[in-house]
Amino acid sequence: MSTPGLEPPTGKKIAISALLAAAAAGVVLVLFILPAEYGIDPTGLGQATGIKQLGEPTRTIVISDVLSGNDAVREAEIPDFGEPVPLPNPSIFQDSETPAATRTFEVTIPPEAETEIKTVIDVAKVIIFSWEANEGSIYSDFHGHDPALGNDFWVRYKEHQEGTGDSGSLVAPFYGEHGWYWLNYNEFPVTVTLTVTGYFEDMIDYGIF
């Protein structure tokens, strides 16, 4: 039985409806599904609307302050299960063919005199140090020189206007001389004992001046 006034759709109308539906599905695929699921964004709409970011891999923030505070924050992609996260700073690990060395210096600084002792360290190599004055309080400056930039270039790691000792570590930010300057402003001599352990190439005692 047929309903009065209602004509069955013709083949042409069915074909047109099917084409319109397919076109609409294609638009949805190109504008939304491809950017969100696969990161494919031929029109740029996914980037503009933020949809494309839904298909990007999850990222995490890895903090590294190993190399003298440089490049403190890095992004690292989360790897596949069972795979290690890549180091944000390759200098975190430094292989060595020789064991760490230890050297101790003892220098007596006359009144109103000064001296320097430096360690020669390659970039990213580490030292651990401690020094102590036998009496009184003296001025000290822990700093480094990069020979490639001339004698006028130097960086300060730590300064004491007055102190009886210090200890710490250093990961060298560049190849060069890294060490200590002491000034004895007392009216009596002061003996400083310095011990350094690490992967240094040499130590230089500049004497009293």
C-alpha atoms as a PDB file:
ATOM      1  CA  MET A   1       0.000   0.000   0.000  1.00  0.00           C
ATOM      2  CA  SER A   2       1.198   3.509  -0.711  1.00  0.00           C
ATOM      3  CA  THR A   3       0.695   6.612   1.408  1.00  0.00           C
ATOM      4  CA  PRO A   4      -1.245   9.333  -0.396  1.00  0.00           C
ATOM      5  CA  GLY A   5       0.954  12.333  -1.301  1.00  0.00           C
ATOM      6  CA  LEU A   6       4.234  10.554  -0.427  1.00  0.00           C
ATOM      7  CA  GLU A   7       6.353   9.527  -3.350  1.00  0.00           C
ATOM      8  CA  PRO A   8       9.082   6.916  -2.928  1.00  0.00           C
ATOM      9  CA  PRO A   9      12.631   8.297  -3.458  1.00  0.00           C
ATOM     10  CA  THR A  10      14.034   7.863  -6.866  1.00  0.00           C
ATOM     11  CA  GLY A  11      17.402   6.288  -7.571  1.00  0.00           C
ATOM     12  CA  LYS A  12      18.785   9.715  -8.386  1.00  0.00           C
ATOM     13  CA  LYS A  13      17.803  11.127  -4.974  1.00  0.00           C
ATOM     14  CA  ILE A  14      19.306   8.122  -3.187  1.00  0.00           C
ATOM     15  CA  ALA A  15      22.558   8.560  -5.069  1.00  0.00           C
ATOM     16  CA  ILE A  16      22.696  12.272  -4.252  1.00  0.00           C
ATOM     17  CA  SER A  17      22.025  11.560  -0.550  1.00  0.00           C
ATOM     18  CA  ALA A  18      24.774   8.951  -0.513  1.00  0.00           C
ATOM     19  CA  LEU A  19      27.225  11.360  -2.143  1.00  0.00           C
ATOM     20  CA  LEU A  20      26.374  14.099   0.360  1.00  0.00           C
ATOM     21  CA  ALA A  21      26.861  11.703   3.274  1.00  0.00           C
ATOM     22  CA  ALA A  22      30.197  10.535   1.890  1.00  0.00           C
ATOM     23  CA  ALA A  23      31.293  14.130   1.371  1.00  0.00           C
ATOM     24  CA  ALA A  24      30.330  15.035   4.931  1.00  0.00           C
ATOM     25  CA  ALA A  25      32.227  12.015   6.252  1.00  0.00           C
ATOM     26  CA  GLY A  26      35.267  13.052   4.205  1.00  0.00           C
ATOM     27  CA  VAL A  27      35.148  16.557   5.624  1.00  0.00           C
ATOM     28  CA  VAL A  28      34.987  15.183   9.174  1.00  0.00           C
ATOM     29  CA  LEU A  29      37.863  12.825   8.396  1.00  0.00           C
ATOM     30  CA  VAL A  30      40.112  15.555   6.962  1.00  0.00           C
ATOM     31  CA  LEU A  31      39.261  18.306   9.446  1.00  0.00           C
ATOM     32  CA  PHE A  32      39.024  16.349  12.695  1.00  0.00           C
ATOM     33  CA  ILE A  33      39.933  12.648  12.672  1.00  0.00           C
ATOM     34  CA  LEU A  34      43.250  12.835  10.787  1.00  0.00           C
ATOM     35  CA  PRO A  35      44.674  15.697  12.908  1.00  0.00           C
ATOM     36  CA  ALA A  36      43.488  14.209  16.219  1.00  0.00           C
ATOM     37  CA  GLU A  37      44.354  10.557  15.636  1.00  0.00           C
ATOM     38  CA  TYR A  38      47.294  10.611  13.234  1.00  0.00           C
ATOM     39  CA  GLY A  39      48.731  14.139  13.403  1.00  0.00           C
ATOM     40  CA  ILE A  40      47.933  14.713   9.707  1.00  0.00           C
ATOM     41  CA  ASP A  41      46.624  18.250   9.179  1.00  0.00           C
ATOM     42  CA  PRO A  42      46.349  19.129   5.460  1.00  0.00           C
ATOM     43  CA  THR A  43      44.127  22.187   6.043  1.00  0.00           C
ATOM     44  CA  GLY A  44      45.881  23.624   9.108  1.00  0.00           C
ATOM     45  CA  LEU A  45      42.604  23.729  11.037  1.00  0.00           C
ATOM     46  CA  GLY A  46      43.810  21.076  13.483  1.00  0.00           C
ATOM     47  CA  GLN A  47      46.826  23.181  14.447  1.00  0.00           C
ATOM     48  CA  ALA A  48      44.728  26.331  14.736  1.00  0.00           C
ATOM     49  CA  THR A  49      42.089  24.732  16.948  1.00  0.00           C
ATOM     50  CA  GLY A  50      44.434  22.565  19.026  1.00  0.00           C
ATOM     51  CA  ILE A  51      42.967  19.299  17.757  1.00  0.00           C
ATOM     52  CA  LYS A  52      46.295  18.191  16.276  1.00  0.00           C
ATOM     53  CA  GLN A  53      47.966  18.207  19.697  1.00  0.00           C
ATOM     54  CA  LEU A  54      45.654  15.396  20.774  1.00  0.00           C
ATOM     55  CA  GLY A  55      47.499  13.037  18.429  1.00  0.00           C
ATOM     56  CA  GLU A  56      51.011  13.995  19.553  1.00  0.00           C
ATOM     57  CA  PRO A  57      52.949  11.663  21.920  1.00  0.00           C
ATOM     58  CA  THR A  58      52.872  12.420  25.630  1.00  0.00           C
ATOM     59  CA  ARG A  59      55.872  14.400  26.848  1.00  0.00           C
ATOM     60  CA  THR A  60      57.372  14.883  30.272  1.00  0.00           C
ATOM     61  CA  ILE A  61      59.742  17.461  31.742  1.00  0.00           C
ATOM     62  CA  VAL A  62      63.166  16.232  32.873  1.00  0.00           C
ATOM     63  CA  ILE A  63      65.185  18.596  35.046  1.00  0.00           C
ATOM     64  CA  SER A  64      68.979  18.597  34.865  1.00  0.00           C
ATOM     65  CA  ASP A  65      71.363  21.026  36.536  1.00  0.00           C
ATOM     66  CA  VAL A  66      74.470  18.882  36.269  1.00  0.00           C
ATOM     67  CA  LEU A  67      76.588  20.915  33.887  1.00  0.00           C
ATOM     68  CA  SER A  68      77.142  24.076  35.961  1.00  0.00           C
ATOM     69  CA  GLY A  69      73.471  24.974  35.893  1.00  0.00           C
ATOM     70  CA  ASN A  70      73.302  25.239  32.104  1.00  0.00           C
ATOM     71  CA  ASP A  71      70.266  23.956  30.218  1.00  0.00           C
ATOM     72  CA  ALA A  72      68.392  23.373  33.427  1.00  0.00           C
ATOM     73  CA  VAL A  73      65.145  22.186  31.839  1.00  0.00           C
ATOM     74  CA  ARG A  74      64.773  19.823  28.909  1.00  0.00           C
ATOM     75  CA  GLU A  75      61.888  17.942  27.321  1.00  0.00           C
ATOM     76  CA  ALA A  76      62.207  14.229  26.727  1.00  0.00           C
ATOM     77  CA  GLU A  77      59.724  11.979  24.940  1.00  0.00           C
ATOM     78  CA  ILE A  78      58.497   9.028  26.957  1.00  0.00           C
ATOM     79  CA  PRO A  79      59.956   5.974  25.193  1.00  0.00           C
ATOM     80  CA  ASP A  80      58.401   2.597  24.617  1.00  0.00           C
ATOM     81  CA  PHE A  81      57.875   0.312  27.594  1.00  0.00           C
ATOM     82  CA  GLY A  82      61.145  -1.148  28.813  1.00  0.00           C
ATOM     83  CA  GLU A  83      63.310   1.437  27.030  1.00  0.00           C
ATOM     84  CA  PRO A  84      65.371   3.996  29.028  1.00  0.00           C
ATOM     85  CA  VAL A  85      64.491   7.667  28.937  1.00  0.00           C
ATOM     86  CA  PRO A  86      67.230   9.472  26.972  1.00  0.00           C
ATOM     87  CA  LEU A  87      69.543  11.656  29.041  1.00  0.00           C
ATOM     88  CA  PRO A  88      68.644  15.335  28.650  1.00  0.00           C
ATOM     89  CA  ASN A  89      72.322  16.156  29.144  1.00  0.00           C
ATOM     90  CA  PRO A  90      74.862  13.606  27.841  1.00  0.00           C
ATOM     91  CA  SER A  91      77.568  15.134  30.059  1.00  0.00           C
ATOM     92  CA  ILE A  92      75.890  13.627  33.120  1.00  0.00           C
ATOM     93  CA  PHE A  93      78.027  10.531  32.540  1.00  0.00           C
ATOM     94  CA  GLN A  94      81.709  10.763  31.680  1.00  0.00           C
ATOM     95  CA  ASP A  95      83.720   7.594  31.133  1.00  0.00           C
ATOM     96  CA  SER A  96      87.383   7.517  32.178  1.00  0.00           C
ATOM     97  CA  GLU A  97      90.262   5.176  31.385  1.00  0.00           C
ATOM     98  CA  THR A  98      92.016   6.089  34.653  1.00  0.00           C
ATOM     99  CA  PRO A  99      90.753   6.222  38.253  1.00  0.00           C
ATOM    100  CA  ALA A 100      90.203   9.484  40.064  1.00  0.00           C
ATOM    101  CA  ALA A 101      93.337  11.071  41.517  1.00  0.00           C
ATOM    102  CA  THR A 102      93.846  12.763  44.886  1.00  0.00           C
ATOM    103  CA  ARG A 103      96.391  15.486  45.662  1.00  0.00           C
ATOM    104  CA  THR A 104      96.980  17.532  48.799  1.00  0.00           C
ATOM    105  CA  PHE A 105      98.769  20.894  48.948  1.00  0.00           C
ATOM    106  CA  GLU A 106      99.898  22.721  52.073  1.00  0.00           C
ATOM    107  CA  VAL A 107     100.907  26.350  51.623  1.00  0.00           C
ATOM    108  CA  THR A 108     101.855  28.932  54.267  1.00  0.00           C
ATOM    109  CA  ILE A 109     100.762  32.452  53.357  1.00  0.00           C
ATOM    110  CA  PRO A 110     102.701  35.278  55.067  1.00  0.00           C
ATOM    111  CA  PRO A 111     100.860  38.360  56.401  1.00  0.00           C
ATOM    112  CA  GLU A 112      99.393  40.573  53.648  1.00  0.00           C
ATOM    113  CA  ALA A 113     100.411  37.988  50.998  1.00  0.00           C
ATOM    114  CA  GLU A 114      98.402  36.010  48.467  1.00  0.00           C
ATOM    115  CA  THR A 115      98.579  32.762  46.482  1.00  0.00           C
ATOM    116  CA  GLU A 116      96.735  30.657  43.900  1.00  0.00           C
ATOM    117  CA  ILE A 117      96.396  26.922  43.265  1.00  0.00           C
ATOM    118  CA  LYS A 118      94.635  25.731  40.118  1.00  0.00           C
ATOM    119  CA  THR A 119      93.428  22.399  38.766  1.00  0.00           C
ATOM    120  CA  VAL A 120      93.470  21.805  35.003  1.00  0.00           C
ATOM    121  CA  ILE A 121      90.146  20.134  34.135  1.00  0.00           C
ATOM    122  CA  ASP A 122      88.524  19.129  30.868  1.00  0.00           C
ATOM    123  CA  VAL A 123      84.937  20.116  30.130  1.00  0.00           C
ATOM    124  CA  ALA A 124      82.317  18.154  32.113  1.00  0.00           C
ATOM    125  CA  LYS A 125      84.915  16.425  34.318  1.00  0.00           C
ATOM    126  CA  VAL A 126      84.332  16.554  38.073  1.00  0.00           C
ATOM    127  CA  ILE A 127      86.415  17.318  41.156  1.00  0.00           C
ATOM    128  CA  ILE A 128      85.623  17.224  44.872  1.00  0.00           C
ATOM    129  CA  PHE A 129      87.617  19.547  47.122  1.00  0.00           C
ATOM    130  CA  SER A 130      88.112  20.841  50.648  1.00  0.00           C
ATOM    131  CA  TRP A 131      90.460  23.403  52.149  1.00  0.00           C
ATOM    132  CA  GLU A 132      91.085  24.648  55.666  1.00  0.00           C
ATOM    133  CA  ALA A 133      93.121  27.419  57.284  1.00  0.00           C
ATOM    134  CA  ASN A 134      94.959  26.485  60.462  1.00  0.00           C
ATOM    135  CA  GLU A 135      94.090  29.773  62.205  1.00  0.00           C
ATOM    136  CA  GLY A 136      92.527  33.144  61.583  1.00  0.00           C
ATOM    137  CA  SER A 137      90.185  34.067  58.778  1.00  0.00           C
ATOM    138  CA  ILE A 138      91.248  34.769  55.165  1.00  0.00           C
ATOM    139  CA  TYR A 139      89.776  35.929  51.866  1.00  0.00           C
ATOM    140  CA  SER A 140      89.156  33.244  49.199  1.00  0.00           C
ATOM    141  CA  ASP A 141      87.834  33.169  45.642  1.00  0.00           C
ATOM    142  CA  PHE A 142      87.007  29.950  43.746  1.00  0.00           C
ATOM    143  CA  HIS A 143      86.994  30.647  39.995  1.00  0.00           C
ATOM    144  CA  GLY A 144      87.888  29.371  36.516  1.00  0.00           C
ATOM    145  CA  HIS A 145      89.765  30.612  33.430  1.00  0.00           C
ATOM    146  CA  ASP A 146      89.102  29.582  29.825  1.00  0.00           C
ATOM    147  CA  PRO A 147      92.441  29.897  27.957  1.00  0.00           C
ATOM    148  CA  ALA A 148      90.651  30.039  24.603  1.00  0.00           C
ATOM    149  CA  LEU A 149      89.159  33.407  25.600  1.00  0.00           C
ATOM    150  CA  GLY A 150      92.308  35.043  26.939  1.00  0.00           C
ATOM    151  CA  ASN A 151      93.560  36.032  30.378  1.00  0.00           C
ATOM    152  CA  ASP A 152      90.821  38.606  30.917  1.00  0.00           C
ATOM    153  CA  PHE A 153      88.063  35.956  30.882  1.00  0.00           C
ATOM    154  CA  TRP A 154      87.169  34.282  34.167  1.00  0.00           C
ATOM    155  CA  VAL A 155      84.073  33.062  36.000  1.00  0.00           C
ATOM    156  CA  ARG A 156      83.522  33.062  39.744  1.00  0.00           C
ATOM    157  CA  TYR A 157      81.997  30.032  41.446  1.00  0.00           C
ATOM    158  CA  LYS A 158      82.196  31.204  45.061  1.00  0.00           C
ATOM    159  CA  GLU A 159      83.701  34.070  47.052  1.00  0.00           C
ATOM    160  CA  HIS A 160      84.395  34.392  50.786  1.00  0.00           C
ATOM    161  CA  GLN A 161      85.266  37.817  52.127  1.00  0.00           C
ATOM    162  CA  GLU A 162      86.455  35.995  55.209  1.00  0.00           C
ATOM    163  CA  GLY A 163      86.478  32.324  56.115  1.00  0.00           C
ATOM    164  CA  THR A 164      88.425  29.448  57.613  1.00  0.00           C
ATOM    165  CA  GLY A 165      87.663  26.770  55.025  1.00  0.00           C
ATOM    166  CA  ASP A 166      85.328  25.444  52.362  1.00  0.00           C
ATOM    167  CA  SER A 167      84.362  22.232  50.580  1.00  0.00           C
ATOM    168  CA  GLY A 168      82.311  21.249  47.554  1.00  0.00           C
ATOM    169  CA  SER A 169      82.466  19.930  44.005  1.00  0.00           C
ATOM    170  CA  LEU A 170      82.728  21.260  40.485  1.00  0.00           C
ATOM    171  CA  VAL A 171      81.691  19.958  37.073  1.00  0.00           C
ATOM    172  CA  ALA A 172      83.889  22.008  34.744  1.00  0.00           C
ATOM    173  CA  PRO A 173      81.798  24.139  32.342  1.00  0.00           C
ATOM    174  CA  PHE A 174      84.795  24.457  29.979  1.00  0.00           C
ATOM    175  CA  TYR A 175      88.361  23.222  29.602  1.00  0.00           C
ATOM    176  CA  GLY A 176      90.788  25.333  31.572  1.00  0.00           C
ATOM    177  CA  GLU A 177      92.202  26.199  34.974  1.00  0.00           C
ATOM    178  CA  HIS A 178      89.784  26.063  37.889  1.00  0.00           C
ATOM    179  CA  GLY A 179      90.938  26.815  41.399  1.00  0.00           C
ATOM    180  CA  TRP A 180      91.437  29.037  44.391  1.00  0.00           C
ATOM    181  CA  TYR A 181      92.890  32.426  45.242  1.00  0.00           C
ATOM    182  CA  TRP A 182      93.636  33.223  48.877  1.00  0.00           C
ATOM    183  CA  LEU A 183      94.623  36.522  50.539  1.00  0.00           C
ATOM    184  CA  ASN A 184      95.923  36.577  54.092  1.00  0.00           C
ATOM    185  CA  TYR A 185      95.056  39.983  55.548  1.00  0.00           C
ATOM    186  CA  ASN A 186      96.133  38.946  59.058  1.00  0.00           C
ATOM    187  CA  GLU A 187      99.264  40.091  60.885  1.00  0.00           C
ATOM    188  CA  PHE A 188     100.413  36.477  61.220  1.00  0.00           C
ATOM    189  CA  PRO A 189     101.065  33.674  58.704  1.00  0.00           C
ATOM    190  CA  VAL A 190      98.247  31.264  57.860  1.00  0.00           C
ATOM    191  CA  THR A 191      98.727  27.726  56.558  1.00  0.00           C
ATOM    192  CA  VAL A 192      96.102  26.463  54.090  1.00  0.00           C
ATOM    193  CA  THR A 193      95.668  22.734  53.423  1.00  0.00           C
ATOM    194  CA  LEU A 194      93.865  21.881  50.171  1.00  0.00           C
ATOM    195  CA  THR A 195      92.777  18.386  49.095  1.00  0.00           C
ATOM    196  CA  VAL A 196      91.357  17.716  45.610  1.00  0.00           C
ATOM    197  CA  THR A 197      89.969  14.408  44.326  1.00  0.00           C
ATOM    198  CA  GLY A 198      88.664  13.862  40.817  1.00  0.00           C
ATOM    199  CA  TYR A 199      89.396  13.675  37.116  1.00  0.00           C
ATOM    200  CA  PHE A 200      91.810  16.572  36.662  1.00  0.00           C
ATOM    201  CA  GLU A 201      94.790  16.646  34.289  1.00  0.00           C
ATOM    202  CA  ASP A 202      97.196  18.626  36.451  1.00  0.00           C
ATOM    203  CA  MET A 203      97.486  20.966  39.438  1.00  0.00           C
ATOM    204  CA  ILE A 204      99.457  24.219  39.417  1.00  0.00           C
ATOM    205  CA  ASP A 205     100.852  25.968  42.488  1.00  0.00           C
ATOM    206  CA  TYR A 206     101.469  29.609  41.582  1.00  0.00           C
ATOM    207  CA  GLY A 207     103.390  30.257  44.812  1.00  0.00           C
ATOM    208  CA  ILE A 208     103.346  33.310  47.059  1.00  0.00           C
ATOM    209  CA  PHE A 209     103.047  36.775  45.512  1.00  0.00           C
END
